Amino acid sequence: MDWLLNLPPLVKLGFVFALMLMLIRARINIGWALCLGAVVCGLAFRQGPSHILRSVAAAAIDPAYAILVSLILLVLILNHTLKEGGQIDRIVSSFLAIARRPRTTLVFFPALLGLLPMPGGALFSAPMVETAGKMLHVDDRDKTLVNYWFRHVWEYSWPLYPGIMLSAVYSGYSVLAICLAQAPLMVFVIIEGWFFYVRHLKARPSEADEAAPAVPNGRRGAVVEFLRQASPIWLVILMFAVLRSLLVAASRWGASDSTLGELVGRLPKNVDLLVAVVLVILYTWLRNRMGLRQIGRVFWQRDMLDNFIIAAGIIVFGGVLTGSGAAHAVAGQLHDLAIPTWIVAVVLPFTVGAVTGITMNMVVLTYQIILFMVHNEANDHLALAYCALAFASGYAGILITPVHICMVQSNHYFKLNATASLRRLAVPVLGLIVAGLVLFQAYRVALPWLGQGRGSHEIPATSAEAAVEAARRTAESLDVR
């Protein structure tokens, strides 16, 4: 075991990921593979059994993880409710009456639900992709990749996602500036996804026409019918937007009312989304007039237990990853190598994104270090360029990691081996990194011409120095060599 303890942090994490991929390839439940990977990760970073258990316990009682597990199970319940009531078929066929193009239908639902920052949201759109895929004779691998890729096309430039908000906080730019700067990445991945995963799919004209029902009152009637059938989808989005707006307003009022501010501050992240999903489930039961027997069948499904094990594995792996200081150790190692900042902005976010599979973690653990290096080089005016590069690289790591919850859920739903998905993701993910580098170089040239001259922008005084020191101290405390 000593050989593992003395490896560099990057190599240790590579070993852990290789082990988990081997277990997943052997068709072991992904949740159990994550649990075993967590134990090996903890031991590799010199954590004893008691410390590993404490890390798992801390994650288990974390409200954020409780919300995550609840959302995963609630989305499953909503999916089974829509299936049991026959509503998924009606949603897809009613949209076909508008689009009359099965390929557009295949892409539309994961993209629509991607506007909702929901953990494991790919599970929500999977049944609709499955139904649309039957019209195109799409195999399970293509369904998985379409569902997974187009679920994540908006996060580069959609202001509801926490990663965008955190980027604005650390860089000192507005949310709008970050969204506009990263919009080319969003356009690129949409085109890339269509090129790699959709353009080769073809439906027989007779089948497409057969699947699209005749709707009275022409296209207008078709739109009304789609909105009626898809009401659970847009109601989730609408209720989430309303509840999130109320929470934002309440937090502002809380600045003058300490009691209200304290109450809002105690609410766990994504609780508004959880409430929205619960309300929509109740609405769907009533709308489809489902009896107790039908509702019972919604809960009595084998995949409920399987997904609970997967969610538990994510909690265990995330808890040990945080408790072991693995991500900080990797960040400290890369920072101490004194390599050019643009290379750090590619390697560090990609690595942390691949390790954690979570955008917020990638931004929190890397942006402060990268922007601190940018500040030390007196390149504050290029902070926007480095943010775009870091986000592209970090999100590439998030897309390619087997621990990304949407990857896990999509593969599990379509009963696909994770390695089959990863192989077909490799080239598009590499393309995303290249696009980030091209955009970075373009901004390095363009920003001075757009009024972002040297000294015109200042990176806010964050805890960047503390982040670097924390990474170094973590590496030293773990005796990382």
Protein backbone atom coordinates (compact mmCIF):
# COMPACT_ATOMS: atom_id res chain seq x y z
CA MET A 1 0.00 0.00 0.00
CA ASP A 2 3.01 2.30 0.53
CA TRP A 3 3.49 2.65 -3.22
CA LEU A 4 0.04 4.24 -3.50
CA LEU A 5 0.65 6.62 -0.58
CA ASN A 6 3.81 8.00 -2.16
CA LEU A 7 2.34 8.76 -5.59
CA PRO A 8 1.63 12.40 -6.64
CA PRO A 9 -1.99 13.54 -6.11
CA LEU A 10 -2.84 13.51 -9.82
CA VAL A 11 -1.63 9.93 -10.20
CA LYS A 12 -3.53 8.84 -7.09
CA LEU A 13 -6.78 10.24 -8.44
CA GLY A 14 -6.10 8.68 -11.82
CA PHE A 15 -5.73 5.31 -10.11
CA VAL A 16 -9.01 5.79 -8.21
CA PHE A 17 -10.87 6.68 -11.42
CA ALA A 18 -9.38 3.72 -13.29
CA LEU A 19 -10.50 1.40 -10.49
CA MET A 20 -14.06 2.77 -10.56
CA LEU A 21 -14.24 2.45 -14.35
CA MET A 22 -13.11 -1.17 -14.13
CA LEU A 23 -15.85 -1.90 -11.58
CA ILE A 24 -18.48 -0.14 -13.70
CA ARG A 25 -17.32 -2.06 -16.78
CA ALA A 26 -17.75 -5.27 -14.77
CA ARG A 27 -21.44 -4.25 -14.40
CA ILE A 28 -21.21 -3.54 -10.69
CA ASN A 29 -23.80 -0.98 -9.56
CA ILE A 30 -22.29 2.47 -9.99
CA GLY A 31 -23.22 3.35 -6.41
CA TRP A 32 -21.14 0.48 -5.02
CA ALA A 33 -18.27 1.39 -7.39
CA LEU A 34 -18.32 4.95 -6.05
CA CYS A 35 -18.29 3.68 -2.46
CA LEU A 36 -15.25 1.48 -3.07
CA GLY A 37 -13.54 4.30 -4.98
CA ALA A 38 -14.19 6.58 -2.00
CA VAL A 39 -12.51 4.14 0.40
CA VAL A 40 -9.45 3.78 -1.85
CA CYS A 41 -9.30 7.58 -2.32
CA GLY A 42 -9.38 8.13 1.44
CA LEU A 43 -6.65 5.56 2.09
CA ALA A 44 -4.51 6.91 -0.78
CA PHE A 45 -4.60 10.37 0.81
CA ARG A 46 -3.59 8.97 4.21
CA GLN A 47 -7.01 8.96 5.85
CA GLY A 48 -7.67 6.24 8.40
CA PRO A 49 -10.96 4.31 8.58
CA SER A 50 -12.29 6.55 11.36
CA HIS A 51 -11.55 9.71 9.34
CA ILE A 52 -13.24 8.21 6.26
CA LEU A 53 -16.33 7.37 8.32
CA ARG A 54 -16.41 10.91 9.75
CA SER A 55 -16.22 12.35 6.21
CA VAL A 56 -19.10 10.14 5.08
CA ALA A 57 -21.16 11.05 8.16
CA ALA A 58 -20.54 14.77 7.59
CA ALA A 59 -21.74 14.43 3.99
CA ALA A 60 -24.76 12.33 5.01
CA ILE A 61 -26.08 15.06 7.33
CA ASP A 62 -25.28 17.88 4.89
CA PRO A 63 -28.64 19.41 3.80
CA ALA A 64 -27.30 19.90 0.27
CA TYR A 65 -26.78 16.15 -0.13
CA ALA A 66 -30.19 15.42 1.42
CA ILE A 67 -31.77 17.73 -1.15
CA LEU A 68 -29.79 16.01 -3.92
CA VAL A 69 -31.02 12.53 -2.95
CA SER A 70 -34.57 13.81 -2.52
CA LEU A 71 -34.52 15.48 -5.95
CA ILE A 72 -33.24 12.34 -7.65
CA LEU A 73 -35.99 10.21 -6.10
CA LEU A 74 -38.67 12.86 -6.73
CA VAL A 75 -37.70 13.17 -10.39
CA LEU A 76 -37.99 9.38 -10.64
CA ILE A 77 -41.45 9.56 -9.06
CA LEU A 78 -42.47 12.29 -11.52
CA ASN A 79 -41.15 10.22 -14.45
CA HIS A 80 -43.06 7.13 -13.33
CA THR A 81 -46.16 9.28 -12.79
CA LEU A 82 -45.97 10.62 -16.35
CA LYS A 83 -45.42 7.11 -17.71
CA GLU A 84 -48.22 5.56 -15.66
CA GLY A 85 -50.65 8.22 -16.88
CA GLY A 86 -49.50 7.81 -20.51
CA GLN A 87 -48.49 11.46 -20.57
CA ILE A 88 -44.94 11.05 -21.89
CA ASP A 89 -46.24 9.60 -25.17
CA ARG A 90 -48.78 12.44 -25.43
CA ILE A 91 -46.10 15.09 -24.76
CA VAL A 92 -43.79 13.74 -27.47
CA SER A 93 -46.53 13.19 -30.07
CA SER A 94 -48.02 16.65 -29.44
CA PHE A 95 -44.62 18.26 -30.01
CA LEU A 96 -44.19 16.24 -33.21
CA ALA A 97 -47.42 17.82 -34.46
CA ILE A 98 -45.59 21.17 -34.23
CA ALA A 99 -42.09 20.23 -35.35
CA ARG A 100 -42.85 17.17 -37.54
CA ARG A 101 -39.14 16.38 -37.31
CA PRO A 102 -38.21 13.52 -34.96
CA ARG A 103 -34.58 14.69 -34.72
CA THR A 104 -35.73 18.09 -33.45
CA THR A 105 -38.02 16.36 -30.96
CA LEU A 106 -35.15 14.18 -29.76
CA VAL A 107 -33.03 17.24 -28.96
CA PHE A 108 -35.80 19.54 -27.75
CA PHE A 109 -36.70 17.91 -24.43
CA PRO A 110 -33.22 17.58 -22.88
CA ALA A 111 -32.43 21.13 -24.07
CA LEU A 112 -35.69 22.48 -22.62
CA LEU A 113 -35.13 20.82 -19.26
CA GLY A 114 -31.50 21.98 -19.33
CA LEU A 115 -32.81 25.47 -18.61
CA LEU A 116 -33.65 24.14 -15.15
CA PRO A 117 -30.58 23.85 -12.86
CA MET A 118 -31.70 20.49 -11.48
CA PRO A 119 -29.16 17.95 -10.12
CA GLY A 120 -29.59 14.75 -12.11
CA GLY A 121 -31.96 16.52 -14.50
CA ALA A 122 -31.00 14.20 -17.36
CA LEU A 123 -33.19 11.60 -15.66
CA PHE A 124 -36.22 13.87 -16.18
CA SER A 125 -35.77 14.10 -19.96
CA ALA A 126 -34.65 10.47 -20.50
CA PRO A 127 -38.16 8.98 -20.94
CA MET A 128 -39.04 11.63 -23.54
CA VAL A 129 -35.80 10.98 -25.43
CA GLU A 130 -36.57 7.25 -25.28
CA THR A 131 -40.04 7.77 -26.79
CA ALA A 132 -38.77 10.11 -29.53
CA GLY A 133 -35.87 7.76 -30.22
CA LYS A 134 -38.21 4.92 -31.17
CA MET A 135 -39.33 6.91 -34.21
CA LEU A 136 -35.70 7.15 -35.38
CA HIS A 137 -34.66 3.60 -34.50
CA VAL A 138 -32.01 5.12 -32.25
CA ASP A 139 -29.95 2.68 -30.20
CA ASP A 140 -29.48 3.13 -26.46
CA ARG A 141 -26.00 4.62 -26.84
CA ASP A 142 -27.23 7.40 -29.13
CA LYS A 143 -30.20 8.09 -26.84
CA THR A 144 -27.87 8.35 -23.86
CA LEU A 145 -25.48 10.74 -25.60
CA VAL A 146 -28.23 12.98 -27.01
CA ASN A 147 -29.93 13.15 -23.62
CA TYR A 148 -26.66 13.82 -21.78
CA TRP A 149 -25.09 16.32 -24.18
CA PHE A 150 -28.10 18.52 -24.91
CA ARG A 151 -29.06 18.58 -21.23
CA HIS A 152 -25.85 20.60 -20.69
CA VAL A 153 -25.69 23.04 -23.58
CA TRP A 154 -26.91 26.09 -21.61
CA GLU A 155 -24.72 26.05 -18.52
CA TYR A 156 -21.94 28.08 -20.16
CA SER A 157 -24.19 31.12 -20.46
CA TRP A 158 -27.47 30.64 -18.53
CA PRO A 159 -27.57 32.99 -15.51
CA LEU A 160 -29.65 30.65 -13.31
CA TYR A 161 -26.70 28.28 -12.92
CA PRO A 162 -24.58 28.83 -9.78
CA GLY A 163 -21.31 28.43 -11.71
CA ILE A 164 -22.06 31.60 -13.69
CA MET A 165 -22.88 33.56 -10.53
CA LEU A 166 -19.68 32.41 -8.81
CA SER A 167 -17.61 33.30 -11.89
CA ALA A 168 -18.98 36.83 -11.66
CA VAL A 169 -18.18 37.05 -7.94
CA TYR A 170 -14.57 35.91 -8.31
CA SER A 171 -13.77 37.85 -11.49
CA GLY A 172 -15.47 41.13 -10.55
CA TYR A 173 -17.48 41.20 -13.78
CA SER A 174 -21.27 41.27 -13.95
CA VAL A 175 -23.29 38.11 -14.55
CA LEU A 176 -24.33 39.58 -17.92
CA ALA A 177 -20.68 40.08 -18.92
CA ILE A 178 -19.83 36.48 -18.02
CA CYS A 179 -22.88 35.20 -19.94
CA LEU A 180 -22.01 37.20 -23.05
CA ALA A 181 -18.33 36.25 -22.90
CA GLN A 182 -19.13 32.53 -22.70
CA ALA A 183 -22.06 32.57 -25.16
CA PRO A 184 -19.80 31.44 -28.06
CA LEU A 185 -19.06 28.26 -26.07
CA MET A 186 -22.80 27.60 -25.79
CA VAL A 187 -23.29 28.02 -29.55
CA PHE A 188 -20.27 25.81 -30.24
CA VAL A 189 -21.46 22.86 -28.12
CA ILE A 190 -24.95 23.00 -29.68
CA ILE A 191 -23.42 22.75 -33.17
CA GLU A 192 -20.95 20.12 -31.99
CA GLY A 193 -23.67 18.01 -30.37
CA TRP A 194 -25.78 18.09 -33.53
CA PHE A 195 -22.76 17.13 -35.68
CA PHE A 196 -21.62 14.20 -33.54
CA TYR A 197 -24.86 12.82 -32.12
CA VAL A 198 -27.87 13.84 -34.24
CA ARG A 199 -27.13 14.50 -37.92
CA HIS A 200 -26.69 10.80 -38.81
CA LEU A 201 -30.10 9.86 -37.35
CA LYS A 202 -32.88 9.49 -39.91
CA ALA A 203 -36.56 8.58 -39.62
CA ARG A 204 -38.69 6.99 -42.29
CA PRO A 205 -41.13 9.73 -43.49
CA SER A 206 -44.15 7.46 -43.01
CA GLU A 207 -43.21 6.81 -39.38
CA ALA A 208 -42.66 10.49 -38.63
CA ASP A 209 -46.04 11.37 -40.15
CA GLU A 210 -47.71 8.50 -38.33
CA ALA A 211 -46.25 9.62 -34.98
CA ALA A 212 -47.43 13.19 -35.48
CA PRO A 213 -51.19 13.24 -34.87
CA ALA A 214 -53.61 15.46 -36.75
CA VAL A 215 -54.59 18.35 -34.50
CA PRO A 216 -57.64 20.57 -35.05
CA ASN A 217 -57.09 24.30 -35.67
CA GLY A 218 -53.74 23.73 -37.39
CA ARG A 219 -50.43 24.78 -35.90
CA ARG A 220 -52.05 27.02 -33.29
CA GLY A 221 -54.10 24.10 -32.02
CA ALA A 222 -50.95 21.96 -31.98
CA VAL A 223 -49.14 24.51 -29.82
CA VAL A 224 -52.07 24.70 -27.38
CA GLU A 225 -52.22 20.89 -27.18
CA PHE A 226 -48.47 20.66 -26.54
CA LEU A 227 -48.60 23.28 -23.78
CA ARG A 228 -51.50 21.39 -22.19
CA GLN A 229 -49.79 18.01 -22.32
CA ALA A 230 -46.38 19.39 -21.31
CA SER A 231 -47.79 21.36 -18.37
CA PRO A 232 -45.78 19.33 -15.78
CA ILE A 233 -42.55 20.41 -17.50
CA TRP A 234 -43.21 24.11 -17.83
CA LEU A 235 -44.90 24.23 -14.43
CA VAL A 236 -41.71 22.95 -12.79
CA ILE A 237 -39.74 25.70 -14.55
CA LEU A 238 -42.34 28.38 -13.76
CA MET A 239 -42.73 27.41 -10.09
CA PHE A 240 -38.97 27.22 -9.65
CA ALA A 241 -38.57 30.72 -11.16
CA VAL A 242 -41.31 32.13 -8.91
CA LEU A 243 -39.99 30.47 -5.74
CA ARG A 244 -36.39 31.48 -6.51
CA SER A 245 -37.52 35.08 -7.09
CA LEU A 246 -39.38 35.07 -3.77
CA LEU A 247 -36.28 33.78 -1.97
CA VAL A 248 -34.09 36.44 -3.59
CA ALA A 249 -36.59 39.14 -2.62
CA ALA A 250 -36.81 37.74 0.92
CA SER A 251 -33.03 37.75 1.29
CA ARG A 252 -32.96 41.43 0.26
CA TRP A 253 -35.67 42.27 2.76
CA GLY A 254 -33.69 40.25 5.28
CA ALA A 255 -30.95 42.86 5.13
CA SER A 256 -33.23 45.09 7.22
CA ASP A 257 -35.07 42.30 9.05
CA SER A 258 -32.61 40.04 10.86
CA THR A 259 -35.21 37.36 11.64
CA LEU A 260 -36.27 37.00 8.00
CA GLY A 261 -32.66 37.09 6.82
CA GLU A 262 -31.67 34.34 9.26
CA LEU A 263 -34.63 32.18 8.20
CA VAL A 264 -33.83 32.49 4.49
CA GLY A 265 -30.14 31.89 5.18
CA ARG A 266 -30.90 28.58 6.86
CA LEU A 267 -32.78 27.18 3.87
CA PRO A 268 -30.70 24.55 2.04
CA LYS A 269 -29.71 25.10 -1.58
CA ASN A 270 -32.26 23.91 -4.17
CA VAL A 271 -35.10 23.67 -1.64
CA ASP A 272 -37.18 25.84 -4.00
CA LEU A 273 -36.66 23.33 -6.79
CA LEU A 274 -37.61 20.46 -4.48
CA VAL A 275 -40.88 22.18 -3.51
CA ALA A 276 -41.66 22.86 -7.18
CA VAL A 277 -41.21 19.19 -8.12
CA VAL A 278 -43.38 17.99 -5.21
CA LEU A 279 -46.19 20.38 -6.20
CA VAL A 280 -46.02 19.27 -9.84
CA ILE A 281 -46.18 15.59 -8.83
CA LEU A 282 -49.37 16.28 -6.85
CA TYR A 283 -50.77 18.31 -9.76
CA THR A 284 -50.02 15.47 -12.22
CA TRP A 285 -51.72 12.89 -10.00
CA LEU A 286 -54.85 15.05 -9.90
CA ARG A 287 -54.75 15.98 -13.59
CA ASN A 288 -54.48 12.35 -14.72
CA ARG A 289 -57.02 11.24 -12.08
CA MET A 290 -54.68 8.56 -10.80
CA GLY A 291 -56.07 6.21 -8.16
CA LEU A 292 -54.22 4.74 -5.17
CA ARG A 293 -53.33 1.59 -7.13
CA GLN A 294 -51.70 3.60 -9.93
CA ILE A 295 -49.85 5.81 -7.44
CA GLY A 296 -48.67 2.66 -5.64
CA ARG A 297 -47.20 1.33 -8.91
CA VAL A 298 -45.31 4.62 -9.27
CA PHE A 299 -43.41 3.91 -6.05
CA TRP A 300 -43.08 0.13 -6.46
CA GLN A 301 -40.32 0.19 -9.08
CA ARG A 302 -36.96 -1.61 -9.05
CA ASP A 303 -35.02 1.43 -10.20
CA MET A 304 -36.06 3.37 -7.07
CA LEU A 305 -33.71 1.19 -5.00
CA ASP A 306 -30.99 1.23 -7.66
CA ASN A 307 -31.05 5.02 -7.85
CA PHE A 308 -31.01 5.32 -4.08
CA ILE A 309 -27.80 3.24 -4.04
CA ILE A 310 -26.33 5.48 -6.75
CA ALA A 311 -27.25 8.61 -4.79
CA ALA A 312 -25.70 7.10 -1.65
CA GLY A 313 -22.52 6.35 -3.60
CA ILE A 314 -22.34 9.96 -4.77
CA ILE A 315 -22.69 11.16 -1.17
CA VAL A 316 -19.98 8.78 0.07
CA PHE A 317 -17.55 9.66 -2.73
CA GLY A 318 -18.19 13.40 -2.41
CA GLY A 319 -17.77 13.30 1.36
CA VAL A 320 -14.47 11.42 1.25
CA LEU A 321 -13.19 13.57 -1.61
CA THR A 322 -13.81 16.69 0.47
CA GLY A 323 -12.59 15.22 3.74
CA SER A 324 -9.38 13.84 2.25
CA GLY A 325 -8.40 17.20 0.73
CA ALA A 326 -7.71 15.49 -2.61
CA ALA A 327 -8.91 18.39 -4.78
CA HIS A 328 -6.93 20.95 -2.77
CA ALA A 329 -3.86 18.71 -2.96
CA VAL A 330 -4.10 18.60 -6.76
CA ALA A 331 -4.59 22.39 -6.92
CA GLY A 332 -1.57 22.96 -4.68
CA GLN A 333 0.60 20.63 -6.74
CA LEU A 334 -0.28 22.34 -10.03
CA HIS A 335 0.23 25.81 -8.54
CA ASP A 336 3.66 24.91 -7.14
CA LEU A 337 4.89 23.68 -10.52
CA ALA A 338 5.10 27.36 -11.66
CA ILE A 339 3.80 26.62 -15.14
CA PRO A 340 2.23 29.33 -17.37
CA THR A 341 -1.12 30.62 -16.16
CA TRP A 342 -3.00 29.69 -19.34
CA ILE A 343 -1.89 26.06 -18.95
CA VAL A 344 -3.02 26.10 -15.31
CA ALA A 345 -6.36 27.52 -16.52
CA VAL A 346 -6.73 24.43 -18.73
CA VAL A 347 -5.32 21.66 -16.53
CA LEU A 348 -6.53 22.69 -13.07
CA PRO A 349 -10.26 23.23 -13.88
CA PHE A 350 -10.31 20.13 -16.10
CA THR A 351 -8.82 18.01 -13.33
CA VAL A 352 -11.05 19.33 -10.55
CA GLY A 353 -14.09 19.11 -12.85
CA ALA A 354 -13.29 15.49 -13.66
CA VAL A 355 -12.68 14.66 -9.99
CA THR A 356 -15.82 16.27 -8.56
CA GLY A 357 -18.27 16.26 -11.48
CA ILE A 358 -19.85 19.46 -10.10
CA THR A 359 -19.56 22.92 -11.70
CA MET A 360 -19.74 24.85 -8.43
CA ASN A 361 -16.88 22.82 -6.94
CA MET A 362 -14.80 23.39 -10.06
CA VAL A 363 -15.29 27.17 -9.89
CA VAL A 364 -14.78 27.45 -6.12
CA LEU A 365 -11.61 25.31 -6.06
CA THR A 366 -9.89 26.76 -9.13
CA TYR A 367 -10.95 30.32 -10.01
CA GLN A 368 -9.40 31.93 -6.95
CA ILE A 369 -6.02 30.33 -7.69
CA ILE A 370 -6.13 31.15 -11.42
CA LEU A 371 -7.25 34.75 -10.91
CA PHE A 372 -4.64 35.23 -8.18
CA MET A 373 -1.97 34.20 -10.71
CA VAL A 374 -3.53 36.54 -13.30
CA HIS A 375 -3.43 39.38 -10.77
CA ASN A 376 0.23 38.69 -9.91
CA GLU A 377 1.09 39.02 -13.61
CA ALA A 378 -0.72 42.42 -13.75
CA ASN A 379 -3.18 40.96 -16.26
CA ASP A 380 -6.41 41.85 -14.46
CA HIS A 381 -7.73 43.22 -17.76
CA LEU A 382 -7.65 39.66 -19.15
CA ALA A 383 -9.66 38.12 -16.31
CA LEU A 384 -12.67 37.63 -18.60
CA ALA A 385 -10.56 35.70 -21.10
CA TYR A 386 -9.17 33.43 -18.37
CA CYS A 387 -12.69 32.85 -16.98
CA ALA A 388 -13.93 31.68 -20.39
CA LEU A 389 -10.93 29.37 -20.81
CA ALA A 390 -11.22 27.97 -17.28
CA PHE A 391 -14.96 27.34 -17.65
CA ALA A 392 -14.54 25.58 -21.00
CA SER A 393 -11.77 23.35 -19.65
CA GLY A 394 -13.52 22.72 -16.34
CA TYR A 395 -16.79 21.83 -18.01
CA ALA A 396 -14.96 19.50 -20.38
CA GLY A 397 -13.72 17.63 -17.30
CA ILE A 398 -17.24 17.59 -15.84
CA LEU A 399 -18.69 16.16 -19.08
CA ILE A 400 -16.13 13.37 -19.36
CA THR A 401 -16.13 12.18 -15.74
CA PRO A 402 -17.95 8.95 -14.83
CA VAL A 403 -19.03 10.49 -11.48
CA HIS A 404 -21.17 13.23 -13.07
CA ILE A 405 -24.66 12.54 -11.74
CA CYS A 406 -26.31 13.07 -15.16
CA MET A 407 -23.84 10.66 -16.77
CA VAL A 408 -24.56 8.10 -14.07
CA GLN A 409 -28.34 8.51 -14.38
CA SER A 410 -28.41 8.49 -18.21
CA ASN A 411 -26.27 5.35 -18.43
CA HIS A 412 -28.37 3.64 -15.77
CA TYR A 413 -31.69 4.58 -17.39
CA PHE A 414 -30.69 3.33 -20.85
CA LYS A 415 -28.77 0.36 -19.36
CA LEU A 416 -25.52 1.39 -21.00
CA ASN A 417 -21.96 0.75 -19.87
CA ALA A 418 -20.22 3.99 -18.88
CA THR A 419 -17.11 3.30 -20.96
CA ALA A 420 -19.23 3.14 -24.14
CA SER A 421 -20.44 6.70 -23.49
CA LEU A 422 -17.01 8.00 -22.53
CA ARG A 423 -15.42 6.81 -25.77
CA ARG A 424 -17.88 8.80 -27.89
CA LEU A 425 -17.58 11.86 -25.66
CA ALA A 426 -13.78 12.09 -25.97
CA VAL A 427 -13.58 13.96 -29.31
CA PRO A 428 -16.37 16.51 -28.60
CA VAL A 429 -14.91 17.19 -25.15
CA LEU A 430 -11.48 17.76 -26.68
CA GLY A 431 -13.17 20.07 -29.19
CA LEU A 432 -14.63 22.07 -26.29
CA ILE A 433 -11.15 22.60 -24.82
CA VAL A 434 -9.83 23.70 -28.22
CA ALA A 435 -12.79 26.09 -28.58
CA GLY A 436 -11.95 27.51 -25.14
CA LEU A 437 -8.34 28.10 -26.21
CA VAL A 438 -9.41 29.79 -29.46
CA LEU A 439 -11.86 32.02 -27.58
CA PHE A 440 -9.15 32.83 -25.02
CA GLN A 441 -6.73 33.94 -27.74
CA ALA A 442 -9.46 36.00 -29.42
CA TYR A 443 -10.25 37.79 -26.15
CA ARG A 444 -6.56 38.43 -25.47
CA VAL A 445 -6.49 40.40 -28.71
CA ALA A 446 -9.98 41.91 -28.54
CA LEU A 447 -10.34 42.99 -24.90
CA PRO A 448 -7.85 45.89 -25.10
CA TRP A 449 -9.74 47.15 -28.17
CA LEU A 450 -13.06 46.90 -26.33
CA GLY A 451 -12.05 49.26 -23.56
CA GLN A 452 -10.63 46.62 -21.24
CA GLY A 453 -7.17 48.09 -21.34
CA ARG A 454 -4.50 47.43 -18.76
CA GLY A 455 -5.62 48.79 -15.41
CA SER A 456 -9.27 49.26 -16.47
CA HIS A 457 -10.46 46.22 -14.53
CA GLU A 458 -9.47 45.02 -11.09
CA ILE A 459 -10.02 41.51 -9.79
CA PRO A 460 -11.79 41.81 -6.42
CA ALA A 461 -9.84 41.09 -3.27
CA THR A 462 -10.93 37.51 -2.65
CA SER A 463 -9.43 34.80 -0.54
CA ALA A 464 -7.14 33.79 -3.42
CA GLU A 465 -3.99 33.86 -1.32
CA ALA A 466 -5.78 31.86 1.34
CA ALA A 467 -6.94 29.36 -1.28
CA VAL A 468 -3.40 28.82 -2.52
CA GLU A 469 -2.08 28.48 1.03
CA ALA A 470 -4.90 26.09 1.94
CA ALA A 471 -4.04 23.94 -1.05
CA ARG A 472 -0.36 23.89 -0.11
CA ARG A 473 -1.08 23.18 3.58
CA THR A 474 -3.42 20.35 2.61
CA ALA A 475 -0.75 18.81 0.40
CA GLU A 476 1.83 19.12 3.19
CA SER A 477 -0.50 17.68 5.83
CA LEU A 478 -1.17 14.70 3.57
CA ASP A 479 2.57 14.29 3.00
CA VAL A 480 2.02 14.53 -0.74
CA ARG A 481 5.17 13.94 -2.73
